[in-house]
Amino acid sequence: MGVAERYGPAVMERLPRVGCVLAAGGRWWWIVPSQSDIGVNWPAAAVYATGAVPAGPPLRRRTGREDGGPRVVHSPDDGVPYTHPLLLHIAVCAVAGISPAWPREDRRSGS
């Protein structure tokens, strides 16, 4: 899940625990568990992308890469790359100045 780079530090400071954060393409990207878009309405300030797979040894903070690849902004001490998606959602909403929202269930559909 990514936000514009200018919002990255403000989002990060609102989180009690931060997983791996990468910077690329003018955005800061947080690694969240797969399907973190289910049941969450990410605000317009966020971009949810699928298909990233953490692999290899834990990432270390770097100032940049010569090949133009992503820069590591934060690497967690515990080695767990994921940031909790609901806490991240709340932090992004706070920075965007909107209230968190989740899809409403259609209560007429059988439950």
PDB file of N, CA and C in Angstrom:
ATOM      1  N   MET A   1       0.858  -1.144   0.000  1.00  0.00           N
ATOM      2  CA  MET A   1       0.000   0.000   0.000  1.00  0.00           C
ATOM      3  C   MET A   1       0.911   1.214   0.000  1.00  0.00           C
ATOM      4  N   GLY A   2       0.633   2.154  -0.893  1.00  0.00           N
ATOM      5  CA  GLY A   2       1.510   3.314  -1.004  1.00  0.00           C
ATOM      6  C   GLY A   2       0.790   4.638  -0.862  1.00  0.00           C
ATOM      7  N   VAL A   3       1.552   5.636  -0.425  1.00  0.00           N
ATOM      8  CA  VAL A   3       1.063   7.013  -0.353  1.00  0.00           C
ATOM      9  C   VAL A   3       2.136   7.910  -0.948  1.00  0.00           C
ATOM     10  N   ALA A   4       1.736   9.115  -1.331  1.00  0.00           N
ATOM     11  CA  ALA A   4       2.709  10.078  -1.837  1.00  0.00           C
ATOM     12  C   ALA A   4       3.824  10.260  -0.807  1.00  0.00           C
ATOM     13  N   GLU A   5       5.030  10.384  -1.288  1.00  0.00           N
ATOM     14  CA  GLU A   5       6.205  10.473  -0.421  1.00  0.00           C
ATOM     15  C   GLU A   5       6.069  11.576   0.640  1.00  0.00           C
ATOM     16  N   ARG A   6       5.423  12.658   0.298  1.00  0.00           N
ATOM     17  CA  ARG A   6       5.287  13.766   1.255  1.00  0.00           C
ATOM     18  C   ARG A   6       4.445  13.379   2.474  1.00  0.00           C
ATOM     19  N   TYR A   7       3.564  12.374   2.333  1.00  0.00           N
ATOM     20  CA  TYR A   7       2.739  11.915   3.444  1.00  0.00           C
ATOM     21  C   TYR A   7       3.394  10.800   4.251  1.00  0.00           C
ATOM     22  N   GLY A   8       4.417  10.175   3.704  1.00  0.00           N
ATOM     23  CA  GLY A   8       5.043   9.011   4.334  1.00  0.00           C
ATOM     24  C   GLY A   8       5.461   9.200   5.783  1.00  0.00           C
ATOM     25  N   PRO A   9       6.250  10.229   6.084  1.00  0.00           N
ATOM     26  CA  PRO A   9       6.679  10.393   7.480  1.00  0.00           C
ATOM     27  C   PRO A   9       5.509  10.581   8.452  1.00  0.00           C
ATOM     28  N   ALA A  10       4.486  11.316   8.053  1.00  0.00           N
ATOM     29  CA  ALA A  10       3.335  11.549   8.927  1.00  0.00           C
ATOM     30  C   ALA A  10       2.565  10.253   9.174  1.00  0.00           C
ATOM     31  N   VAL A  11       2.461   9.402   8.159  1.00  0.00           N
ATOM     32  CA  VAL A  11       1.788   8.109   8.339  1.00  0.00           C
ATOM     33  C   VAL A  11       2.629   7.245   9.275  1.00  0.00           C
ATOM     34  N   MET A  12       3.922   7.184   9.033  1.00  0.00           N
ATOM     35  CA  MET A  12       4.796   6.323   9.815  1.00  0.00           C
ATOM     36  C   MET A  12       4.796   6.701  11.295  1.00  0.00           C
ATOM     37  N   GLU A  13       4.774   7.982  11.607  1.00  0.00           N
ATOM     38  CA  GLU A  13       4.830   8.385  13.022  1.00  0.00           C
ATOM     39  C   GLU A  13       3.534   8.070  13.775  1.00  0.00           C
ATOM     40  N   ARG A  14       2.458   7.778  13.062  1.00  0.00           N
ATOM     41  CA  ARG A  14       1.181   7.441  13.707  1.00  0.00           C
ATOM     42  C   ARG A  14       1.032   5.946  13.975  1.00  0.00           C
ATOM     43  N   LEU A  15       1.982   5.155  13.545  1.00  0.00           N
ATOM     44  CA  LEU A  15       1.873   3.702  13.692  1.00  0.00           C
ATOM     45  C   LEU A  15       2.642   3.208  14.915  1.00  0.00           C
ATOM     46  N   PRO A  16       2.046   2.301  15.706  1.00  0.00           N
ATOM     47  CA  PRO A  16       2.754   1.772  16.869  1.00  0.00           C
ATOM     48  C   PRO A  16       3.889   0.816  16.482  1.00  0.00           C
ATOM     49  N   ARG A  17       3.765   0.182  15.315  1.00  0.00           N
ATOM     50  CA  ARG A  17       4.795  -0.719  14.795  1.00  0.00           C
ATOM     51  C   ARG A  17       4.794  -0.611  13.287  1.00  0.00           C
ATOM     52  N   VAL A  18       5.974  -0.496  12.722  1.00  0.00           N
ATOM     53  CA  VAL A  18       6.095  -0.335  11.280  1.00  0.00           C
ATOM     54  C   VAL A  18       6.890  -1.503  10.717  1.00  0.00           C
ATOM     55  N   GLY A  19       6.351  -2.122   9.681  1.00  0.00           N
ATOM     56  CA  GLY A  19       7.072  -3.168   8.978  1.00  0.00           C
ATOM     57  C   GLY A  19       8.026  -2.539   7.977  1.00  0.00           C
ATOM     58  N   CYS A  20       8.265  -3.221   6.901  1.00  0.00           N
ATOM     59  CA  CYS A  20       9.162  -2.719   5.866  1.00  0.00           C
ATOM     60  C   CYS A  20       8.479  -1.600   5.080  1.00  0.00           C
ATOM     61  N   VAL A  21       9.207  -0.508   4.873  1.00  0.00           N
ATOM     62  CA  VAL A  21       8.714   0.617   4.081  1.00  0.00           C
ATOM     63  C   VAL A  21       9.747   0.896   2.998  1.00  0.00           C
ATOM     64  N   LEU A  22       9.280   0.938   1.763  1.00  0.00           N
ATOM     65  CA  LEU A  22      10.146   1.205   0.608  1.00  0.00           C
ATOM     66  C   LEU A  22       9.731   2.511  -0.046  1.00  0.00           C
ATOM     67  N   ALA A  23      10.678   3.186  -0.668  1.00  0.00           N
ATOM     68  CA  ALA A  23      10.379   4.395  -1.426  1.00  0.00           C
ATOM     69  C   ALA A  23      10.714   4.136  -2.886  1.00  0.00           C
ATOM     70  N   ALA A  24       9.729   4.405  -3.750  1.00  0.00           N
ATOM     71  CA  ALA A  24       9.933   4.236  -5.195  1.00  0.00           C
ATOM     72  C   ALA A  24       8.843   5.005  -5.923  1.00  0.00           C
ATOM     73  N   GLY A  25       9.200   5.615  -7.011  1.00  0.00           N
ATOM     74  CA  GLY A  25       8.216   6.281  -7.859  1.00  0.00           C
ATOM     75  C   GLY A  25       7.472   7.414  -7.179  1.00  0.00           C
ATOM     76  N   GLY A  26       8.122   8.117  -6.239  1.00  0.00           N
ATOM     77  CA  GLY A  26       7.477   9.228  -5.565  1.00  0.00           C
ATOM     78  C   GLY A  26       6.499   8.806  -4.481  1.00  0.00           C
ATOM     79  N   ARG A  27       6.533   7.532  -4.098  1.00  0.00           N
ATOM     80  CA  ARG A  27       5.639   7.013  -3.057  1.00  0.00           C
ATOM     81  C   ARG A  27       6.431   6.257  -2.011  1.00  0.00           C
ATOM     82  N   TRP A  28       5.876   6.210  -0.815  1.00  0.00           N
ATOM     83  CA  TRP A  28       6.352   5.298   0.222  1.00  0.00           C
ATOM     84  C   TRP A  28       5.403   4.121   0.214  1.00  0.00           C
ATOM     85  N   TRP A  29       5.967   2.912   0.212  1.00  0.00           N
ATOM     86  CA  TRP A  29       5.185   1.676   0.118  1.00  0.00           C
ATOM     87  C   TRP A  29       5.354   0.845   1.373  1.00  0.00           C
ATOM     88  N   TRP A  30       4.246   0.468   1.988  1.00  0.00           N
ATOM     89  CA  TRP A  30       4.215  -0.415   3.146  1.00  0.00           C
ATOM     90  C   TRP A  30       3.849  -1.810   2.667  1.00  0.00           C
ATOM     91  N   ILE A  31       4.521  -2.816   3.214  1.00  0.00           N
ATOM     92  CA  ILE A  31       4.163  -4.190   2.903  1.00  0.00           C
ATOM     93  C   ILE A  31       3.077  -4.606   3.898  1.00  0.00           C
ATOM     94  N   VAL A  32       1.953  -5.034   3.360  1.00  0.00           N
ATOM     95  CA  VAL A  32       0.837  -5.511   4.179  1.00  0.00           C
ATOM     96  C   VAL A  32       0.515  -6.938   3.747  1.00  0.00           C
ATOM     97  N   PRO A  33      -0.131  -7.711   4.605  1.00  0.00           N
ATOM     98  CA  PRO A  33      -0.489  -9.078   4.210  1.00  0.00           C
ATOM     99  C   PRO A  33      -1.395  -9.076   2.975  1.00  0.00           C
ATOM    100  N   SER A  34      -1.349 -10.151   2.215  1.00  0.00           N
ATOM    101  CA  SER A  34      -2.203 -10.252   1.028  1.00  0.00           C
ATOM    102  C   SER A  34      -3.663 -10.107   1.422  1.00  0.00           C
ATOM    103  N   GLN A  35      -4.436  -9.595   0.540  1.00  0.00           N
ATOM    104  CA  GLN A  35      -5.876  -9.371   0.682  1.00  0.00           C
ATOM    105  C   GLN A  35      -6.211  -8.320   1.739  1.00  0.00           C
ATOM    106  N   SER A  36      -5.296  -7.404   1.996  1.00  0.00           N
ATOM    107  CA  SER A  36      -5.556  -6.326   2.950  1.00  0.00           C
ATOM    108  C   SER A  36      -6.503  -5.278   2.383  1.00  0.00           C
ATOM    109  N   ASP A  37      -6.988  -5.514   1.192  1.00  0.00           N
ATOM    110  CA  ASP A  37      -7.977  -4.612   0.606  1.00  0.00           C
ATOM    111  C   ASP A  37      -9.399  -5.118   0.852  1.00  0.00           C
ATOM    112  N   ILE A  38      -9.526  -6.340   1.354  1.00  0.00           N
ATOM    113  CA  ILE A  38     -10.854  -6.907   1.598  1.00  0.00           C
ATOM    114  C   ILE A  38     -11.416  -6.297   2.877  1.00  0.00           C
ATOM    115  N   GLY A  39     -12.584  -5.710   2.765  1.00  0.00           N
ATOM    116  CA  GLY A  39     -13.241  -5.118   3.919  1.00  0.00           C
ATOM    117  C   GLY A  39     -12.699  -3.767   4.330  1.00  0.00           C
ATOM    118  N   VAL A  40     -11.864  -3.164   3.489  1.00  0.00           N
ATOM    119  CA  VAL A  40     -11.291  -1.852   3.793  1.00  0.00           C
ATOM    120  C   VAL A  40     -11.480  -0.949   2.579  1.00  0.00           C
ATOM    121  N   ASN A  41     -11.972   0.249   2.823  1.00  0.00           N
ATOM    122  CA  ASN A  41     -12.039   1.257   1.765  1.00  0.00           C
ATOM    123  C   ASN A  41     -10.828   2.163   1.916  1.00  0.00           C
ATOM    124  N   TRP A  42      -9.745   1.841   1.194  1.00  0.00           N
ATOM    125  CA  TRP A  42      -8.554   2.685   1.264  1.00  0.00           C
ATOM    126  C   TRP A  42      -8.908   4.058   0.708  1.00  0.00           C
ATOM    127  N   PRO A  43      -8.485   5.143   1.367  1.00  0.00           N
ATOM    128  CA  PRO A  43      -8.812   6.488   0.881  1.00  0.00           C
ATOM    129  C   PRO A  43      -8.102   6.792  -0.434  1.00  0.00           C
ATOM    130  N   ALA A  44      -8.582   7.819  -1.115  1.00  0.00           N
ATOM    131  CA  ALA A  44      -8.007   8.198  -2.414  1.00  0.00           C
ATOM    132  C   ALA A  44      -6.522   8.530  -2.313  1.00  0.00           C
ATOM    133  N   ALA A  45      -6.060   8.926  -1.133  1.00  0.00           N
ATOM    134  CA  ALA A  45      -4.639   9.253  -0.947  1.00  0.00           C
ATOM    135  C   ALA A  45      -3.752   8.005  -1.002  1.00  0.00           C
ATOM    136  N   ALA A  46      -4.359   6.823  -0.953  1.00  0.00           N
ATOM    137  CA  ALA A  46      -3.615   5.566  -0.921  1.00  0.00           C
ATOM    138  C   ALA A  46      -3.746   4.818  -2.240  1.00  0.00           C
ATOM    139  N   VAL A  47      -2.713   4.051  -2.540  1.00  0.00           N
ATOM    140  CA  VAL A  47      -2.732   3.153  -3.697  1.00  0.00           C
ATOM    141  C   VAL A  47      -2.484   1.747  -3.158  1.00  0.00           C
ATOM    142  N   TYR A  48      -3.428   0.848  -3.418  1.00  0.00           N
ATOM    143  CA  TYR A  48      -3.259  -0.533  -2.993  1.00  0.00           C
ATOM    144  C   TYR A  48      -2.832  -1.335  -4.215  1.00  0.00           C
ATOM    145  N   ALA A  49      -1.683  -1.967  -4.131  1.00  0.00           N
ATOM    146  CA  ALA A  49      -1.166  -2.754  -5.247  1.00  0.00           C
ATOM    147  C   ALA A  49      -0.986  -4.197  -4.799  1.00  0.00           C
ATOM    148  N   THR A  50      -1.233  -5.124  -5.699  1.00  0.00           N
ATOM    149  CA  THR A  50      -1.088  -6.543  -5.383  1.00  0.00           C
ATOM    150  C   THR A  50       0.129  -7.124  -6.089  1.00  0.00           C
ATOM    151  N   GLY A  51       0.570  -8.264  -5.602  1.00  0.00           N
ATOM    152  CA  GLY A  51       1.607  -9.013  -6.301  1.00  0.00           C
ATOM    153  C   GLY A  51       3.001  -8.910  -5.727  1.00  0.00           C
ATOM    154  N   ALA A  52       3.245  -8.034  -4.759  1.00  0.00           N
ATOM    155  CA  ALA A  52       4.586  -7.953  -4.179  1.00  0.00           C
ATOM    156  C   ALA A  52       4.789  -9.132  -3.242  1.00  0.00           C
ATOM    157  N   VAL A  53       5.959  -9.753  -3.322  1.00  0.00           N
ATOM    158  CA  VAL A  53       6.266 -10.898  -2.476  1.00  0.00           C
ATOM    159  C   VAL A  53       7.617 -10.662  -1.823  1.00  0.00           C
ATOM    160  N   PRO A  54       7.642 -10.539  -0.475  1.00  0.00           N
ATOM    161  CA  PRO A  54       8.947 -10.372   0.170  1.00  0.00           C
ATOM    162  C   PRO A  54       9.746 -11.656   0.049  1.00  0.00           C
ATOM    163  N   ALA A  55      11.006 -11.540  -0.313  1.00  0.00           N
ATOM    164  CA  ALA A  55      11.860 -12.709  -0.483  1.00  0.00           C
ATOM    165  C   ALA A  55      13.281 -12.354  -0.083  1.00  0.00           C
ATOM    166  N   GLY A  56      14.033 -13.366   0.254  1.00  0.00           N
ATOM    167  CA  GLY A  56      15.429 -13.153   0.578  1.00  0.00           C
ATOM    168  C   GLY A  56      15.635 -12.737   2.015  1.00  0.00           C
ATOM    169  N   PRO A  57      16.866 -12.335   2.328  1.00  0.00           N
ATOM    170  CA  PRO A  57      17.176 -11.933   3.702  1.00  0.00           C
ATOM    171  C   PRO A  57      16.462 -10.635   4.064  1.00  0.00           C
ATOM    172  N   PRO A  58      16.366 -10.328   5.356  1.00  0.00           N
ATOM    173  CA  PRO A  58      15.723  -9.072   5.751  1.00  0.00           C
ATOM    174  C   PRO A  58      16.387  -7.878   5.069  1.00  0.00           C
ATOM    175  N   LEU A  59      15.574  -6.923   4.687  1.00  0.00           N
ATOM    176  CA  LEU A  59      16.092  -5.732   4.024  1.00  0.00           C
ATOM    177  C   LEU A  59      16.812  -4.845   5.033  1.00  0.00           C
ATOM    178  N   ARG A  60      17.829  -4.191   4.589  1.00  0.00           N
ATOM    179  CA  ARG A  60      18.563  -3.243   5.418  1.00  0.00           C
ATOM    180  C   ARG A  60      18.350  -1.846   4.844  1.00  0.00           C
ATOM    181  N   ARG A  61      18.357  -0.855   5.727  1.00  0.00           N
ATOM    182  CA  ARG A  61      18.164   0.518   5.287  1.00  0.00           C
ATOM    183  C   ARG A  61      19.316   0.936   4.378  1.00  0.00           C
ATOM    184  N   ARG A  62      18.948   1.517   3.242  1.00  0.00           N
ATOM    185  CA  ARG A  62      19.936   2.002   2.290  1.00  0.00           C
ATOM    186  C   ARG A  62      19.534   3.400   1.863  1.00  0.00           C
ATOM    187  N   THR A  63      20.485   4.162   1.398  1.00  0.00           N
ATOM    188  CA  THR A  63      20.172   5.512   0.935  1.00  0.00           C
ATOM    189  C   THR A  63      19.633   5.488  -0.482  1.00  0.00           C
ATOM    190  N   GLY A  64      19.835   4.435  -1.200  1.00  0.00           N
ATOM    191  CA  GLY A  64      19.345   4.336  -2.573  1.00  0.00           C
ATOM    192  C   GLY A  64      20.008   3.172  -3.279  1.00  0.00           C
ATOM    193  N   ARG A  65      19.560   2.922  -4.492  1.00  0.00           N
ATOM    194  CA  ARG A  65      20.163   1.852  -5.276  1.00  0.00           C
ATOM    195  C   ARG A  65      20.619   2.420  -6.601  1.00  0.00           C
ATOM    196  N   GLU A  66      21.772   1.967  -7.028  1.00  0.00           N
ATOM    197  CA  GLU A  66      22.318   2.445  -8.291  1.00  0.00           C
ATOM    198  C   GLU A  66      21.440   2.060  -9.480  1.00  0.00           C
ATOM    199  N   ASP A  67      20.728   0.942  -9.375  1.00  0.00           N
ATOM    200  CA  ASP A  67      19.919   0.468 -10.499  1.00  0.00           C
ATOM    201  C   ASP A  67      18.551   1.134 -10.560  1.00  0.00           C
ATOM    202  N   GLY A  68      18.283   2.115  -9.685  1.00  0.00           N
ATOM    203  CA  GLY A  68      17.002   2.808  -9.715  1.00  0.00           C
ATOM    204  C   GLY A  68      15.890   2.073  -8.993  1.00  0.00           C
ATOM    205  N   GLY A  69      16.220   0.970  -8.331  1.00  0.00           N
ATOM    206  CA  GLY A  69      15.217   0.204  -7.606  1.00  0.00           C
ATOM    207  C   GLY A  69      14.775   0.922  -6.347  1.00  0.00           C
ATOM    208  N   PRO A  70      13.866   0.312  -5.599  1.00  0.00           N
ATOM    209  CA  PRO A  70      13.336   0.966  -4.401  1.00  0.00           C
ATOM    210  C   PRO A  70      14.401   1.175  -3.329  1.00  0.00           C
ATOM    211  N   ARG A  71      14.202   2.225  -2.565  1.00  0.00           N
ATOM    212  CA  ARG A  71      15.063   2.557  -1.428  1.00  0.00           C
ATOM    213  C   ARG A  71      14.349   2.101  -0.165  1.00  0.00           C
ATOM    214  N   VAL A  72      15.077   1.480   0.745  1.00  0.00           N
ATOM    215  CA  VAL A  72      14.487   1.046   2.003  1.00  0.00           C
ATOM    216  C   VAL A  72      14.464   2.234   2.962  1.00  0.00           C
ATOM    217  N   VAL A  73      13.247   2.624   3.363  1.00  0.00           N
ATOM    218  CA  VAL A  73      13.065   3.715   4.315  1.00  0.00           C
ATOM    219  C   VAL A  73      13.123   3.173   5.741  1.00  0.00           C
ATOM    220  N   HIS A  74      12.505   2.017   5.937  1.00  0.00           N
ATOM    221  CA  HIS A  74      12.475   1.409   7.272  1.00  0.00           C
ATOM    222  C   HIS A  74      12.514  -0.107   7.131  1.00  0.00           C
ATOM    223  N   SER A  75      13.342  -0.717   7.952  1.00  0.00           N
ATOM    224  CA  SER A  75      13.412  -2.170   8.035  1.00  0.00           C
ATOM    225  C   SER A  75      13.186  -2.536   9.497  1.00  0.00           C
ATOM    226  N   PRO A  76      12.154  -3.338   9.795  1.00  0.00           N
ATOM    227  CA  PRO A  76      11.832  -3.629  11.193  1.00  0.00           C
ATOM    228  C   PRO A  76      12.904  -4.476  11.871  1.00  0.00           C
ATOM    229  N   ASP A  77      13.117  -4.191  13.149  1.00  0.00           N
ATOM    230  CA  ASP A  77      14.113  -4.938  13.926  1.00  0.00           C
ATOM    231  C   ASP A  77      13.742  -6.402  14.095  1.00  0.00           C
ATOM    232  N   ASP A  78      12.434  -6.699  14.126  1.00  0.00           N
ATOM    233  CA  ASP A  78      12.007  -8.078  14.365  1.00  0.00           C
ATOM    234  C   ASP A  78      11.974  -8.923  13.092  1.00  0.00           C
ATOM    235  N   GLY A  79      12.271  -8.333  11.944  1.00  0.00           N
ATOM    236  CA  GLY A  79      12.323  -9.082  10.693  1.00  0.00           C
ATOM    237  C   GLY A  79      10.973  -9.373  10.057  1.00  0.00           C
ATOM    238  N   VAL A  80       9.871  -8.992  10.689  1.00  0.00           N
ATOM    239  CA  VAL A  80       8.539  -9.206  10.118  1.00  0.00           C
ATOM    240  C   VAL A  80       8.246  -8.031   9.190  1.00  0.00           C
ATOM    241  N   PRO A  81       8.077  -8.283   7.883  1.00  0.00           N
ATOM    242  CA  PRO A  81       7.977  -7.177   6.926  1.00  0.00           C
ATOM    243  C   PRO A  81       6.635  -6.451   6.917  1.00  0.00           C
ATOM    244  N   TYR A  82       5.612  -7.048   7.510  1.00  0.00           N
ATOM    245  CA  TYR A  82       4.264  -6.505   7.382  1.00  0.00           C
ATOM    246  C   TYR A  82       3.940  -5.425   8.411  1.00  0.00           C
ATOM    247  N   THR A  83       3.141  -4.449   7.967  1.00  0.00           N
ATOM    248  CA  THR A  83       2.539  -3.459   8.853  1.00  0.00           C
ATOM    249  C   THR A  83       1.071  -3.852   8.980  1.00  0.00           C
ATOM    250  N   HIS A  84       0.505  -3.718  10.181  1.00  0.00           N
ATOM    251  CA  HIS A  84      -0.892  -4.090  10.405  1.00  0.00           C
ATOM    252  C   HIS A  84      -1.781  -3.234   9.498  1.00  0.00           C
ATOM    253  N   PRO A  85      -2.563  -3.844   8.597  1.00  0.00           N
ATOM    254  CA  PRO A  85      -3.315  -3.064   7.614  1.00  0.00           C
ATOM    255  C   PRO A  85      -4.395  -2.151   8.195  1.00  0.00           C
ATOM    256  N   LEU A  86      -5.074  -2.573   9.250  1.00  0.00           N
ATOM    257  CA  LEU A  86      -6.123  -1.707   9.811  1.00  0.00           C
ATOM    258  C   LEU A  86      -5.522  -0.483  10.496  1.00  0.00           C
ATOM    259  N   LEU A  87      -4.414  -0.676  11.205  1.00  0.00           N
ATOM    260  CA  LEU A  87      -3.743   0.468  11.824  1.00  0.00           C
ATOM    261  C   LEU A  87      -3.174   1.398  10.758  1.00  0.00           C
ATOM    262  N   LEU A  88      -2.660   0.815   9.679  1.00  0.00           N
ATOM    263  CA  LEU A  88      -2.163   1.620   8.568  1.00  0.00           C
ATOM    264  C   LEU A  88      -3.304   2.398   7.915  1.00  0.00           C
ATOM    265  N   HIS A  89      -4.439   1.744   7.743  1.00  0.00           N
ATOM    266  CA  HIS A  89      -5.622   2.402   7.171  1.00  0.00           C
ATOM    267  C   HIS A  89      -6.025   3.611   8.014  1.00  0.00           C
ATOM    268  N   ILE A  90      -6.070   3.441   9.325  1.00  0.00           N
ATOM    269  CA  ILE A  90      -6.446   4.530  10.218  1.00  0.00           C
ATOM    270  C   ILE A  90      -5.422   5.664  10.138  1.00  0.00           C
ATOM    271  N   ALA A  91      -4.133   5.330  10.087  1.00  0.00           N
ATOM    272  CA  ALA A  91      -3.084   6.349   9.992  1.00  0.00           C
ATOM    273  C   ALA A  91      -3.172   7.123   8.677  1.00  0.00           C
ATOM    274  N   VAL A  92      -3.402   6.420   7.567  1.00  0.00           N
ATOM    275  CA  VAL A  92      -3.526   7.086   6.267  1.00  0.00           C
ATOM    276  C   VAL A  92      -4.740   8.007   6.263  1.00  0.00           C
ATOM    277  N   CYS A  93      -5.844   7.538   6.812  1.00  0.00           N
ATOM    278  CA  CYS A  93      -7.048   8.380   6.883  1.00  0.00           C
ATOM    279  C   CYS A  93      -6.780   9.630   7.712  1.00  0.00           C
ATOM    280  N   ALA A  94      -6.079   9.480   8.840  1.00  0.00           N
ATOM    281  CA  ALA A  94      -5.772  10.631   9.690  1.00  0.00           C
ATOM    282  C   ALA A  94      -4.939  11.661   8.931  1.00  0.00           C
ATOM    283  N   VAL A  95      -3.941  11.195   8.201  1.00  0.00           N
ATOM    284  CA  VAL A  95      -3.091  12.107   7.429  1.00  0.00           C
ATOM    285  C   VAL A  95      -3.880  12.754   6.297  1.00  0.00           C
ATOM    286  N   ALA A  96      -4.808  12.002   5.702  1.00  0.00           N
ATOM    287  CA  ALA A  96      -5.629  12.524   4.608  1.00  0.00           C
ATOM    288  C   ALA A  96      -6.752  13.434   5.115  1.00  0.00           C
ATOM    289  N   GLY A  97      -6.986  13.436   6.440  1.00  0.00           N
ATOM    290  CA  GLY A  97      -8.026  14.279   7.010  1.00  0.00           C
ATOM    291  C   GLY A  97      -9.436  13.769   6.806  1.00  0.00           C
ATOM    292  N   ILE A  98      -9.564  12.430   6.726  1.00  0.00           N
ATOM    293  CA  ILE A  98     -10.895  11.837   6.560  1.00  0.00           C
ATOM    294  C   ILE A  98     -11.124  10.775   7.631  1.00  0.00           C
ATOM    295  N   SER A  99     -12.364  10.412   7.841  1.00  0.00           N
ATOM    296  CA  SER A  99     -12.698   9.355   8.788  1.00  0.00           C
ATOM    297  C   SER A  99     -12.514   7.991   8.127  1.00  0.00           C
ATOM    298  N   PRO A 100     -11.969   7.016   8.864  1.00  0.00           N
ATOM    299  CA  PRO A 100     -11.854   5.663   8.305  1.00  0.00           C
ATOM    300  C   PRO A 100     -13.231   5.127   7.929  1.00  0.00           C
ATOM    301  N   ALA A 101     -13.282   4.362   6.861  1.00  0.00           N
ATOM    302  CA  ALA A 101     -14.551   3.793   6.402  1.00  0.00           C
ATOM    303  C   ALA A 101     -14.338   2.354   5.976  1.00  0.00           C
ATOM    304  N   TRP A 102     -15.318   1.544   6.310  1.00  0.00           N
ATOM    305  CA  TRP A 102     -15.309   0.151   5.894  1.00  0.00           C
ATOM    306  C   TRP A 102     -16.585  -0.082   5.110  1.00  0.00           C
ATOM    307  N   PRO A 103     -16.560  -1.019   4.151  1.00  0.00           N
ATOM    308  CA  PRO A 103     -17.782  -1.291   3.381  1.00  0.00           C
ATOM    309  C   PRO A 103     -18.909  -1.738   4.297  1.00  0.00           C
ATOM    310  N   ARG A 104     -20.082  -1.285   3.996  1.00  0.00           N
ATOM    311  CA  ARG A 104     -21.255  -1.705   4.770  1.00  0.00           C
ATOM    312  C   ARG A 104     -21.747  -3.036   4.219  1.00  0.00           C
ATOM    313  N   GLU A 105     -22.150  -3.916   5.149  1.00  0.00           N
ATOM    314  CA  GLU A 105     -22.745  -5.182   4.731  1.00  0.00           C
ATOM    315  C   GLU A 105     -24.213  -4.952   4.451  1.00  0.00           C
ATOM    316  N   ASP A 106     -24.726  -5.659   3.475  1.00  0.00           N
ATOM    317  CA  ASP A 106     -26.145  -5.602   3.201  1.00  0.00           C
ATOM    318  C   ASP A 106     -26.827  -6.550   4.182  1.00  0.00           C
ATOM    319  N   ARG A 107     -27.403  -6.005   5.217  1.00  0.00           N
ATOM    320  CA  ARG A 107     -27.987  -6.823   6.290  1.00  0.00           C
ATOM    321  C   ARG A 107     -29.238  -7.562   5.817  1.00  0.00           C
ATOM    322  N   ARG A 108     -29.759  -7.228   4.654  1.00  0.00           N
ATOM    323  CA  ARG A 108     -30.946  -7.925   4.135  1.00  0.00           C
ATOM    324  C   ARG A 108     -30.559  -9.215   3.431  1.00  0.00           C
ATOM    325  N   SER A 109     -29.244  -9.471   3.234  1.00  0.00           N
ATOM    326  CA  SER A 109     -28.837 -10.595   2.397  1.00  0.00           C
ATOM    327  C   SER A 109     -28.669 -11.911   3.157  1.00  0.00           C
ATOM    328  N   GLY A 110     -29.307 -12.075   4.294  1.00  0.00           N
ATOM    329  CA  GLY A 110     -29.324 -13.392   4.888  1.00  0.00           C
ATOM    330  C   GLY A 110     -28.717 -13.534   6.255  1.00  0.00           C
ATOM    331  N   SER A 111     -27.948 -12.597   6.761  1.00  0.00           N
ATOM    332  CA  SER A 111     -27.352 -12.770   8.088  1.00  0.00           C
ATOM    333  C   SER A 111     -28.269 -12.275   9.157  1.00  0.00           C
TER     334      SER A 111
END
